[in-house]
Amino acid sequence: MTKITIPRADIRIKLRLITDNIRKLRENSNYSQEYMAGKLCISQNTYSKLELGYTALTLERLILIAGILNTDILSLVNIFSDAGRQNGDNVFRQAPL
């Protein structure tokens, strides 16, 4: 079996895109970090660190966040590229994770 190696920098970039997506969805729902933290039973400071990528985002927390934001996990982790637009239409290509 071959070991898969992904540069740490690439992982950090992809995680940052996911946490940015979570932040945007939270803001679009008009939820504060304090509200999200309360729902997750964590402090606002800890939640802030999740969005900033300073604290690891576990699968369990990702599932809970999706539930709070009334969306599915794929909506949180799908990263779309504006480069995927073609001729002004709304067709997007999924960026590779």
PDB file of N, CA and C in Angstrom:
ATOM      1  N   MET A   1       0.830  -1.160   0.000  1.00  0.00           N
ATOM      2  CA  MET A   1       0.000   0.000   0.000  1.00  0.00           C
ATOM      3  C   MET A   1       0.887   1.240   0.000  1.00  0.00           C
ATOM      4  N   THR A   2       0.534   2.210  -0.838  1.00  0.00           N
ATOM      5  CA  THR A   2       1.298   3.433  -0.959  1.00  0.00           C
ATOM      6  C   THR A   2       0.746   4.492  -0.019  1.00  0.00           C
ATOM      7  N   LYS A   3       1.637   5.142   0.695  1.00  0.00           N
ATOM      8  CA  LYS A   3       1.234   6.212   1.591  1.00  0.00           C
ATOM      9  C   LYS A   3       0.935   7.468   0.782  1.00  0.00           C
ATOM     10  N   ILE A   4      -0.208   8.087   1.065  1.00  0.00           N
ATOM     11  CA  ILE A   4      -0.587   9.318   0.378  1.00  0.00           C
ATOM     12  C   ILE A   4      -0.023  10.488   1.166  1.00  0.00           C
ATOM     13  N   THR A   5       0.672  11.355   0.480  1.00  0.00           N
ATOM     14  CA  THR A   5       1.215  12.528   1.158  1.00  0.00           C
ATOM     15  C   THR A   5       0.609  13.783   0.549  1.00  0.00           C
ATOM     16  N   ILE A   6       0.074  14.610   1.400  1.00  0.00           N
ATOM     17  CA  ILE A   6      -0.485  15.891   1.002  1.00  0.00           C
ATOM     18  C   ILE A   6       0.252  16.946   1.807  1.00  0.00           C
ATOM     19  N   PRO A   7       0.830  17.916   1.140  1.00  0.00           N
ATOM     20  CA  PRO A   7       1.556  18.954   1.883  1.00  0.00           C
ATOM     21  C   PRO A   7       0.673  19.633   2.922  1.00  0.00           C
ATOM     22  N   ARG A   8       1.226  19.855   4.119  1.00  0.00           N
ATOM     23  CA  ARG A   8       0.490  20.490   5.207  1.00  0.00           C
ATOM     24  C   ARG A   8      -0.098  21.832   4.784  1.00  0.00           C
ATOM     25  N   ALA A   9       0.636  22.579   3.969  1.00  0.00           N
ATOM     26  CA  ALA A   9       0.150  23.887   3.520  1.00  0.00           C
ATOM     27  C   ALA A   9      -1.141  23.733   2.720  1.00  0.00           C
ATOM     28  N   ASP A  10      -1.217  22.700   1.879  1.00  0.00           N
ATOM     29  CA  ASP A  10      -2.432  22.458   1.094  1.00  0.00           C
ATOM     30  C   ASP A  10      -3.604  22.108   1.997  1.00  0.00           C
ATOM     31  N   ILE A  11      -3.347  21.337   3.022  1.00  0.00           N
ATOM     32  CA  ILE A  11      -4.404  20.966   3.966  1.00  0.00           C
ATOM     33  C   ILE A  11      -4.914  22.202   4.690  1.00  0.00           C
ATOM     34  N   ARG A  12      -3.997  23.042   5.138  1.00  0.00           N
ATOM     35  CA  ARG A  12      -4.394  24.262   5.841  1.00  0.00           C
ATOM     36  C   ARG A  12      -5.231  25.175   4.947  1.00  0.00           C
ATOM     37  N   ILE A  13      -4.861  25.288   3.690  1.00  0.00           N
ATOM     38  CA  ILE A  13      -5.616  26.122   2.747  1.00  0.00           C
ATOM     39  C   ILE A  13      -7.029  25.587   2.580  1.00  0.00           C
ATOM     40  N   LYS A  14      -7.159  24.286   2.407  1.00  0.00           N
ATOM     41  CA  LYS A  14      -8.476  23.683   2.220  1.00  0.00           C
ATOM     42  C   LYS A  14      -9.335  23.799   3.479  1.00  0.00           C
ATOM     43  N   LEU A  15      -8.722  23.610   4.645  1.00  0.00           N
ATOM     44  CA  LEU A  15      -9.456  23.785   5.892  1.00  0.00           C
ATOM     45  C   LEU A  15      -9.909  25.229   6.059  1.00  0.00           C
ATOM     46  N   ARG A  16      -9.064  26.159   5.656  1.00  0.00           N
ATOM     47  CA  ARG A  16      -9.423  27.581   5.741  1.00  0.00           C
ATOM     48  C   ARG A  16     -10.620  27.887   4.843  1.00  0.00           C
ATOM     49  N   LEU A  17     -10.661  27.309   3.664  1.00  0.00           N
ATOM     50  CA  LEU A  17     -11.794  27.510   2.763  1.00  0.00           C
ATOM     51  C   LEU A  17     -13.083  26.957   3.371  1.00  0.00           C
ATOM     52  N   ILE A  18     -12.973  25.826   4.049  1.00  0.00           N
ATOM     53  CA  ILE A  18     -14.148  25.227   4.698  1.00  0.00           C
ATOM     54  C   ILE A  18     -14.625  26.109   5.852  1.00  0.00           C
ATOM     55  N   THR A  19     -13.698  26.568   6.697  1.00  0.00           N
ATOM     56  CA  THR A  19     -14.112  27.404   7.829  1.00  0.00           C
ATOM     57  C   THR A  19     -14.634  28.760   7.351  1.00  0.00           C
ATOM     58  N   ASP A  20     -14.096  29.276   6.251  1.00  0.00           N
ATOM     59  CA  ASP A  20     -14.644  30.508   5.667  1.00  0.00           C
ATOM     60  C   ASP A  20     -16.079  30.279   5.204  1.00  0.00           C
ATOM     61  N   ASN A  21     -16.328  29.124   4.626  1.00  0.00           N
ATOM     62  CA  ASN A  21     -17.673  28.774   4.170  1.00  0.00           C
ATOM     63  C   ASN A  21     -18.630  28.690   5.360  1.00  0.00           C
ATOM     64  N   ILE A  22     -18.187  28.084   6.442  1.00  0.00           N
ATOM     65  CA  ILE A  22     -19.013  27.999   7.652  1.00  0.00           C
ATOM     66  C   ILE A  22     -19.339  29.401   8.158  1.00  0.00           C
ATOM     67  N   ARG A  23     -18.338  30.270   8.192  1.00  0.00           N
ATOM     68  CA  ARG A  23     -18.549  31.641   8.657  1.00  0.00           C
ATOM     69  C   ARG A  23     -19.571  32.356   7.783  1.00  0.00           C
ATOM     70  N   LYS A  24     -19.435  32.230   6.466  1.00  0.00           N
ATOM     71  CA  LYS A  24     -20.373  32.890   5.549  1.00  0.00           C
ATOM     72  C   LYS A  24     -21.792  32.377   5.747  1.00  0.00           C
ATOM     73  N   LEU A  25     -21.950  31.072   5.888  1.00  0.00           N
ATOM     74  CA  LEU A  25     -23.283  30.510   6.109  1.00  0.00           C
ATOM     75  C   LEU A  25     -23.853  30.967   7.455  1.00  0.00           C
ATOM     76  N   ARG A  26     -22.996  31.051   8.469  1.00  0.00           N
ATOM     77  CA  ARG A  26     -23.433  31.539   9.783  1.00  0.00           C
ATOM     78  C   ARG A  26     -23.906  32.981   9.676  1.00  0.00           C
ATOM     79  N   GLU A  27     -23.115  33.805   9.015  1.00  0.00           N
ATOM     80  CA  GLU A  27     -23.477  35.210   8.869  1.00  0.00           C
ATOM     81  C   GLU A  27     -24.749  35.378   8.033  1.00  0.00           C
ATOM     82  N   ASN A  28     -24.907  34.577   6.991  1.00  0.00           N
ATOM     83  CA  ASN A  28     -26.115  34.637   6.163  1.00  0.00           C
ATOM     84  C   ASN A  28     -27.360  34.247   6.961  1.00  0.00           C
ATOM     85  N   SER A  29     -27.170  33.437   7.986  1.00  0.00           N
ATOM     86  CA  SER A  29     -28.273  33.030   8.862  1.00  0.00           C
ATOM     87  C   SER A  29     -28.482  34.022  10.002  1.00  0.00           C
ATOM     88  N   ASN A  30     -27.662  35.073  10.036  1.00  0.00           N
ATOM     89  CA  ASN A  30     -27.706  36.085  11.098  1.00  0.00           C
ATOM     90  C   ASN A  30     -27.484  35.484  12.484  1.00  0.00           C
ATOM     91  N   TYR A  31     -26.588  34.495  12.553  1.00  0.00           N
ATOM     92  CA  TYR A  31     -26.228  33.892  13.828  1.00  0.00           C
ATOM     93  C   TYR A  31     -24.894  34.470  14.273  1.00  0.00           C
ATOM     94  N   SER A  32     -24.800  34.771  15.547  1.00  0.00           N
ATOM     95  CA  SER A  32     -23.535  35.249  16.102  1.00  0.00           C
ATOM     96  C   SER A  32     -22.661  34.055  16.468  1.00  0.00           C
ATOM     97  N   GLN A  33     -21.388  34.337  16.685  1.00  0.00           N
ATOM     98  CA  GLN A  33     -20.500  33.291  17.180  1.00  0.00           C
ATOM     99  C   GLN A  33     -20.968  32.825  18.551  1.00  0.00           C
ATOM    100  N   GLU A  34     -21.465  33.734  19.345  1.00  0.00           N
ATOM    101  CA  GLU A  34     -21.955  33.382  20.675  1.00  0.00           C
ATOM    102  C   GLU A  34     -23.141  32.409  20.583  1.00  0.00           C
ATOM    103  N   TYR A  35     -24.034  32.643  19.625  1.00  0.00           N
ATOM    104  CA  TYR A  35     -25.175  31.745  19.425  1.00  0.00           C
ATOM    105  C   TYR A  35     -24.691  30.350  19.031  1.00  0.00           C
ATOM    106  N   MET A  36     -23.777  30.295  18.076  1.00  0.00           N
ATOM    107  CA  MET A  36     -23.245  29.010  17.616  1.00  0.00           C
ATOM    108  C   MET A  36     -22.550  28.286  18.765  1.00  0.00           C
ATOM    109  N   ALA A  37     -21.757  29.018  19.517  1.00  0.00           N
ATOM    110  CA  ALA A  37     -21.035  28.426  20.645  1.00  0.00           C
ATOM    111  C   ALA A  37     -22.006  27.839  21.656  1.00  0.00           C
ATOM    112  N   GLY A  38     -23.080  28.565  21.950  1.00  0.00           N
ATOM    113  CA  GLY A  38     -24.079  28.072  22.895  1.00  0.00           C
ATOM    114  C   GLY A  38     -24.709  26.777  22.419  1.00  0.00           C
ATOM    115  N   LYS A  39     -25.037  26.712  21.138  1.00  0.00           N
ATOM    116  CA  LYS A  39     -25.628  25.499  20.571  1.00  0.00           C
ATOM    117  C   LYS A  39     -24.658  24.319  20.612  1.00  0.00           C
ATOM    118  N   LEU A  40     -23.359  24.618  20.494  1.00  0.00           N
ATOM    119  CA  LEU A  40     -22.331  23.572  20.504  1.00  0.00           C
ATOM    120  C   LEU A  40     -21.824  23.266  21.918  1.00  0.00           C
ATOM    121  N   CYS A  41     -22.318  24.016  22.900  1.00  0.00           N
ATOM    122  CA  CYS A  41     -21.882  23.856  24.297  1.00  0.00           C
ATOM    123  C   CYS A  41     -20.381  24.094  24.464  1.00  0.00           C
ATOM    124  N   ILE A  42     -19.904  25.143  23.786  1.00  0.00           N
ATOM    125  CA  ILE A  42     -18.511  25.553  23.915  1.00  0.00           C
ATOM    126  C   ILE A  42     -18.502  27.065  24.134  1.00  0.00           C
ATOM    127  N   SER A  43     -17.355  27.612  24.478  1.00  0.00           N
ATOM    128  CA  SER A  43     -17.266  29.061  24.667  1.00  0.00           C
ATOM    129  C   SER A  43     -17.214  29.770  23.315  1.00  0.00           C
ATOM    130  N   GLN A  44     -17.548  31.050  23.327  1.00  0.00           N
ATOM    131  CA  GLN A  44     -17.464  31.843  22.089  1.00  0.00           C
ATOM    132  C   GLN A  44     -16.021  31.900  21.609  1.00  0.00           C
ATOM    133  N   ASN A  45     -15.074  31.964  22.543  1.00  0.00           N
ATOM    134  CA  ASN A  45     -13.661  31.993  22.192  1.00  0.00           C
ATOM    135  C   ASN A  45     -13.247  30.710  21.467  1.00  0.00           C
ATOM    136  N   THR A  46     -13.720  29.572  21.955  1.00  0.00           N
ATOM    137  CA  THR A  46     -13.408  28.295  21.301  1.00  0.00           C
ATOM    138  C   THR A  46     -14.032  28.246  19.917  1.00  0.00           C
ATOM    139  N   TYR A  47     -15.277  28.735  19.800  1.00  0.00           N
ATOM    140  CA  TYR A  47     -15.919  28.741  18.477  1.00  0.00           C
ATOM    141  C   TYR A  47     -15.142  29.636  17.511  1.00  0.00           C
ATOM    142  N   SER A  48     -14.729  30.795  17.982  1.00  0.00           N
ATOM    143  CA  SER A  48     -13.943  31.700  17.152  1.00  0.00           C
ATOM    144  C   SER A  48     -12.684  31.004  16.640  1.00  0.00           C
ATOM    145  N   LYS A  49     -12.036  30.251  17.512  1.00  0.00           N
ATOM    146  CA  LYS A  49     -10.822  29.522  17.110  1.00  0.00           C
ATOM    147  C   LYS A  49     -11.125  28.467  16.057  1.00  0.00           C
ATOM    148  N   LEU A  50     -12.332  27.880  16.098  1.00  0.00           N
ATOM    149  CA  LEU A  50     -12.730  26.928  15.054  1.00  0.00           C
ATOM    150  C   LEU A  50     -12.817  27.624  13.707  1.00  0.00           C
ATOM    151  N   GLU A  51     -13.493  28.777  13.688  1.00  0.00           N
ATOM    152  CA  GLU A  51     -13.647  29.509  12.431  1.00  0.00           C
ATOM    153  C   GLU A  51     -12.313  30.035  11.908  1.00  0.00           C
ATOM    154  N   LEU A  52     -11.407  30.335  12.800  1.00  0.00           N
ATOM    155  CA  LEU A  52     -10.091  30.834  12.385  1.00  0.00           C
ATOM    156  C   LEU A  52      -9.118  29.707  12.038  1.00  0.00           C
ATOM    157  N   GLY A  53      -9.512  28.475  12.342  1.00  0.00           N
ATOM    158  CA  GLY A  53      -8.650  27.341  12.036  1.00  0.00           C
ATOM    159  C   GLY A  53      -7.588  27.076  13.081  1.00  0.00           C
ATOM    160  N   TYR A  54      -7.687  27.716  14.246  1.00  0.00           N
ATOM    161  CA  TYR A  54      -6.708  27.497  15.305  1.00  0.00           C
ATOM    162  C   TYR A  54      -6.989  26.218  16.092  1.00  0.00           C
ATOM    163  N   THR A  55      -8.245  25.787  16.076  1.00  0.00           N
ATOM    164  CA  THR A  55      -8.661  24.568  16.752  1.00  0.00           C
ATOM    165  C   THR A  55      -9.166  23.595  15.699  1.00  0.00           C
ATOM    166  N   ALA A  56      -8.824  22.328  15.853  1.00  0.00           N
ATOM    167  CA  ALA A  56      -9.231  21.317  14.875  1.00  0.00           C
ATOM    168  C   ALA A  56     -10.746  21.210  14.802  1.00  0.00           C
ATOM    169  N   LEU A  57     -11.244  21.107  13.598  1.00  0.00           N
ATOM    170  CA  LEU A  57     -12.673  20.925  13.356  1.00  0.00           C
ATOM    171  C   LEU A  57     -12.926  19.428  13.228  1.00  0.00           C
ATOM    172  N   THR A  58     -13.550  18.859  14.251  1.00  0.00           N
ATOM    173  CA  THR A  58     -13.800  17.421  14.235  1.00  0.00           C
ATOM    174  C   THR A  58     -15.022  17.115  13.374  1.00  0.00           C
ATOM    175  N   LEU A  59     -15.143  15.876  12.976  1.00  0.00           N
ATOM    176  CA  LEU A  59     -16.296  15.448  12.196  1.00  0.00           C
ATOM    177  C   LEU A  59     -17.576  15.640  13.005  1.00  0.00           C
ATOM    178  N   GLU A  60     -17.515  15.339  14.292  1.00  0.00           N
ATOM    179  CA  GLU A  60     -18.684  15.513  15.154  1.00  0.00           C
ATOM    180  C   GLU A  60     -19.142  16.973  15.166  1.00  0.00           C
ATOM    181  N   ARG A  61     -18.202  17.894  15.326  1.00  0.00           N
ATOM    182  CA  ARG A  61     -18.564  19.315  15.339  1.00  0.00           C
ATOM    183  C   ARG A  61     -19.063  19.761  13.968  1.00  0.00           C
ATOM    184  N   LEU A  62     -18.476  19.232  12.912  1.00  0.00           N
ATOM    185  CA  LEU A  62     -18.927  19.567  11.563  1.00  0.00           C
ATOM    186  C   LEU A  62     -20.390  19.152  11.372  1.00  0.00           C
ATOM    187  N   ILE A  63     -20.737  17.970  11.849  1.00  0.00           N
ATOM    188  CA  ILE A  63     -22.120  17.479  11.770  1.00  0.00           C
ATOM    189  C   ILE A  63     -23.045  18.389  12.579  1.00  0.00           C
ATOM    190  N   LEU A  64     -22.628  18.756  13.782  1.00  0.00           N
ATOM    191  CA  LEU A  64     -23.438  19.633  14.626  1.00  0.00           C
ATOM    192  C   LEU A  64     -23.615  21.012  13.996  1.00  0.00           C
ATOM    193  N   ILE A  65     -22.553  21.560  13.445  1.00  0.00           N
ATOM    194  CA  ILE A  65     -22.620  22.873  12.798  1.00  0.00           C
ATOM    195  C   ILE A  65     -23.578  22.825  11.614  1.00  0.00           C
ATOM    196  N   ALA A  66     -23.508  21.764  10.831  1.00  0.00           N
ATOM    197  CA  ALA A  66     -24.425  21.616   9.698  1.00  0.00           C
ATOM    198  C   ALA A  66     -25.872  21.613  10.184  1.00  0.00           C
ATOM    199  N   GLY A  67     -26.136  20.928  11.287  1.00  0.00           N
ATOM    200  CA  GLY A  67     -27.486  20.891  11.841  1.00  0.00           C
ATOM    201  C   GLY A  67     -27.958  22.255  12.310  1.00  0.00           C
ATOM    202  N   ILE A  68     -27.083  22.982  12.987  1.00  0.00           N
ATOM    203  CA  ILE A  68     -27.433  24.315  13.479  1.00  0.00           C
ATOM    204  C   ILE A  68     -27.723  25.251  12.306  1.00  0.00           C
ATOM    205  N   LEU A  69     -26.931  25.141  11.253  1.00  0.00           N
ATOM    206  CA  LEU A  69     -27.099  26.003  10.084  1.00  0.00           C
ATOM    207  C   LEU A  69     -28.168  25.477   9.120  1.00  0.00           C
ATOM    208  N   ASN A  70     -28.826  24.379   9.523  1.00  0.00           N
ATOM    209  CA  ASN A  70     -29.897  23.792   8.724  1.00  0.00           C
ATOM    210  C   ASN A  70     -29.447  23.482   7.295  1.00  0.00           C
ATOM    211  N   THR A  71     -28.287  22.850   7.203  1.00  0.00           N
ATOM    212  CA  THR A  71     -27.739  22.471   5.909  1.00  0.00           C
ATOM    213  C   THR A  71     -27.117  21.092   6.046  1.00  0.00           C
ATOM    214  N   ASP A  72     -26.573  20.576   4.971  1.00  0.00           N
ATOM    215  CA  ASP A  72     -25.896  19.286   5.057  1.00  0.00           C
ATOM    216  C   ASP A  72     -24.379  19.496   5.073  1.00  0.00           C
ATOM    217  N   ILE A  73     -23.681  18.461   5.442  1.00  0.00           N
ATOM    218  CA  ILE A  73     -22.221  18.545   5.565  1.00  0.00           C
ATOM    219  C   ILE A  73     -21.580  18.915   4.233  1.00  0.00           C
ATOM    220  N   LEU A  74     -22.108  18.380   3.139  1.00  0.00           N
ATOM    221  CA  LEU A  74     -21.523  18.679   1.834  1.00  0.00           C
ATOM    222  C   LEU A  74     -21.557  20.166   1.522  1.00  0.00           C
ATOM    223  N   SER A  75     -22.589  20.857   1.981  1.00  0.00           N
ATOM    224  CA  SER A  75     -22.661  22.305   1.768  1.00  0.00           C
ATOM    225  C   SER A  75     -21.552  23.029   2.511  1.00  0.00           C
ATOM    226  N   LEU A  76     -21.097  22.446   3.600  1.00  0.00           N
ATOM    227  CA  LEU A  76     -20.021  23.067   4.370  1.00  0.00           C
ATOM    228  C   LEU A  76     -18.647  22.791   3.767  1.00  0.00           C
ATOM    229  N   VAL A  77     -18.467  21.598   3.220  1.00  0.00           N
ATOM    230  CA  VAL A  77     -17.128  21.228   2.748  1.00  0.00           C
ATOM    231  C   VAL A  77     -16.925  21.404   1.251  1.00  0.00           C
ATOM    232  N   ASN A  78     -17.999  21.596   0.489  1.00  0.00           N
ATOM    233  CA  ASN A  78     -17.821  21.855  -0.943  1.00  0.00           C
ATOM    234  C   ASN A  78     -17.216  23.230  -1.131  1.00  0.00           C
ATOM    235  N   ILE A  79     -16.172  23.269  -1.908  1.00  0.00           N
ATOM    236  CA  ILE A  79     -15.474  24.516  -2.168  1.00  0.00           C
ATOM    237  C   ILE A  79     -15.615  24.797  -3.654  1.00  0.00           C
ATOM    238  N   PHE A  80     -16.324  25.888  -3.966  1.00  0.00           N
ATOM    239  CA  PHE A  80     -16.563  26.217  -5.363  1.00  0.00           C
ATOM    240  C   PHE A  80     -15.625  27.324  -5.801  1.00  0.00           C
ATOM    241  N   SER A  81     -15.234  27.252  -7.053  1.00  0.00           N
ATOM    242  CA  SER A  81     -14.300  28.216  -7.609  1.00  0.00           C
ATOM    243  C   SER A  81     -15.028  29.146  -8.568  1.00  0.00           C
ATOM    244  N   ASP A  82     -14.795  30.460  -8.438  1.00  0.00           N
ATOM    245  CA  ASP A  82     -15.365  31.408  -9.390  1.00  0.00           C
ATOM    246  C   ASP A  82     -14.838  31.149 -10.787  1.00  0.00           C
ATOM    247  N   ALA A  83     -13.667  30.510 -10.873  1.00  0.00           N
ATOM    248  CA  ALA A  83     -13.107  30.184 -12.185  1.00  0.00           C
ATOM    249  C   ALA A  83     -13.986  29.187 -12.921  1.00  0.00           C
ATOM    250  N   GLY A  84     -14.887  28.531 -12.192  1.00  0.00           N
ATOM    251  CA  GLY A  84     -15.772  27.560 -12.814  1.00  0.00           C
ATOM    252  C   GLY A  84     -16.918  28.188 -13.581  1.00  0.00           C
ATOM    253  N   ARG A  85     -17.137  29.488 -13.423  1.00  0.00           N
ATOM    254  CA  ARG A  85     -18.211  30.149 -14.161  1.00  0.00           C
ATOM    255  C   ARG A  85     -17.853  30.209 -15.633  1.00  0.00           C
ATOM    256  N   GLN A  86     -18.853  29.991 -16.444  1.00  0.00           N
ATOM    257  CA  GLN A  86     -18.621  30.044 -17.879  1.00  0.00           C
ATOM    258  C   GLN A  86     -19.655  30.956 -18.501  1.00  0.00           C
ATOM    259  N   ASN A  87     -19.195  32.007 -19.165  1.00  0.00           N
ATOM    260  CA  ASN A  87     -20.061  32.920 -19.902  1.00  0.00           C
ATOM    261  C   ASN A  87     -21.170  33.520 -19.051  1.00  0.00           C
ATOM    262  N   GLY A  88     -20.874  33.840 -17.801  1.00  0.00           N
ATOM    263  CA  GLY A  88     -21.838  34.508 -16.953  1.00  0.00           C
ATOM    264  C   GLY A  88     -22.925  33.627 -16.385  1.00  0.00           C
ATOM    265  N   ASP A  89     -22.932  32.332 -16.706  1.00  0.00           N
ATOM    266  CA  ASP A  89     -23.958  31.474 -16.134  1.00  0.00           C
ATOM    267  C   ASP A  89     -23.533  31.010 -14.751  1.00  0.00           C
ATOM    268  N   ASN A  90     -24.370  30.280 -14.090  1.00  0.00           N
ATOM    269  CA  ASN A  90     -24.096  29.841 -12.715  1.00  0.00           C
ATOM    270  C   ASN A  90     -23.571  28.426 -12.638  1.00  0.00           C
ATOM    271  N   VAL A  91     -22.770  28.019 -13.580  1.00  0.00           N
ATOM    272  CA  VAL A  91     -22.186  26.685 -13.564  1.00  0.00           C
ATOM    273  C   VAL A  91     -20.853  26.783 -12.833  1.00  0.00           C
ATOM    274  N   PHE A  92     -20.696  25.955 -11.808  1.00  0.00           N
ATOM    275  CA  PHE A  92     -19.460  25.930 -11.029  1.00  0.00           C
ATOM    276  C   PHE A  92     -18.820  24.563 -11.130  1.00  0.00           C
ATOM    277  N   ARG A  93     -17.503  24.566 -11.053  1.00  0.00           N
ATOM    278  CA  ARG A  93     -16.773  23.313 -10.937  1.00  0.00           C
ATOM    279  C   ARG A  93     -16.316  23.181  -9.506  1.00  0.00           C
ATOM    280  N   GLN A  94     -16.396  21.975  -8.983  1.00  0.00           N
ATOM    281  CA  GLN A  94     -15.937  21.761  -7.616  1.00  0.00           C
ATOM    282  C   GLN A  94     -14.416  21.729  -7.607  1.00  0.00           C
ATOM    283  N   ALA A  95     -13.849  22.509  -6.700  1.00  0.00           N
ATOM    284  CA  ALA A  95     -12.397  22.477  -6.527  1.00  0.00           C
ATOM    285  C   ALA A  95     -12.030  21.180  -5.833  1.00  0.00           C
ATOM    286  N   PRO A  96     -10.934  20.562  -6.235  1.00  0.00           N
ATOM    287  CA  PRO A  96     -10.537  19.296  -5.601  1.00  0.00           C
ATOM    288  C   PRO A  96     -10.183  19.502  -4.140  1.00  0.00           C
ATOM    289  N   LEU A  97     -10.645  18.564  -3.317  1.00  0.00           N
ATOM    290  CA  LEU A  97     -10.292  18.590  -1.903  1.00  0.00           C
ATOM    291  C   LEU A  97      -9.027  17.862  -1.789  1.00  0.00           C
TER     292      LEU A  97
END
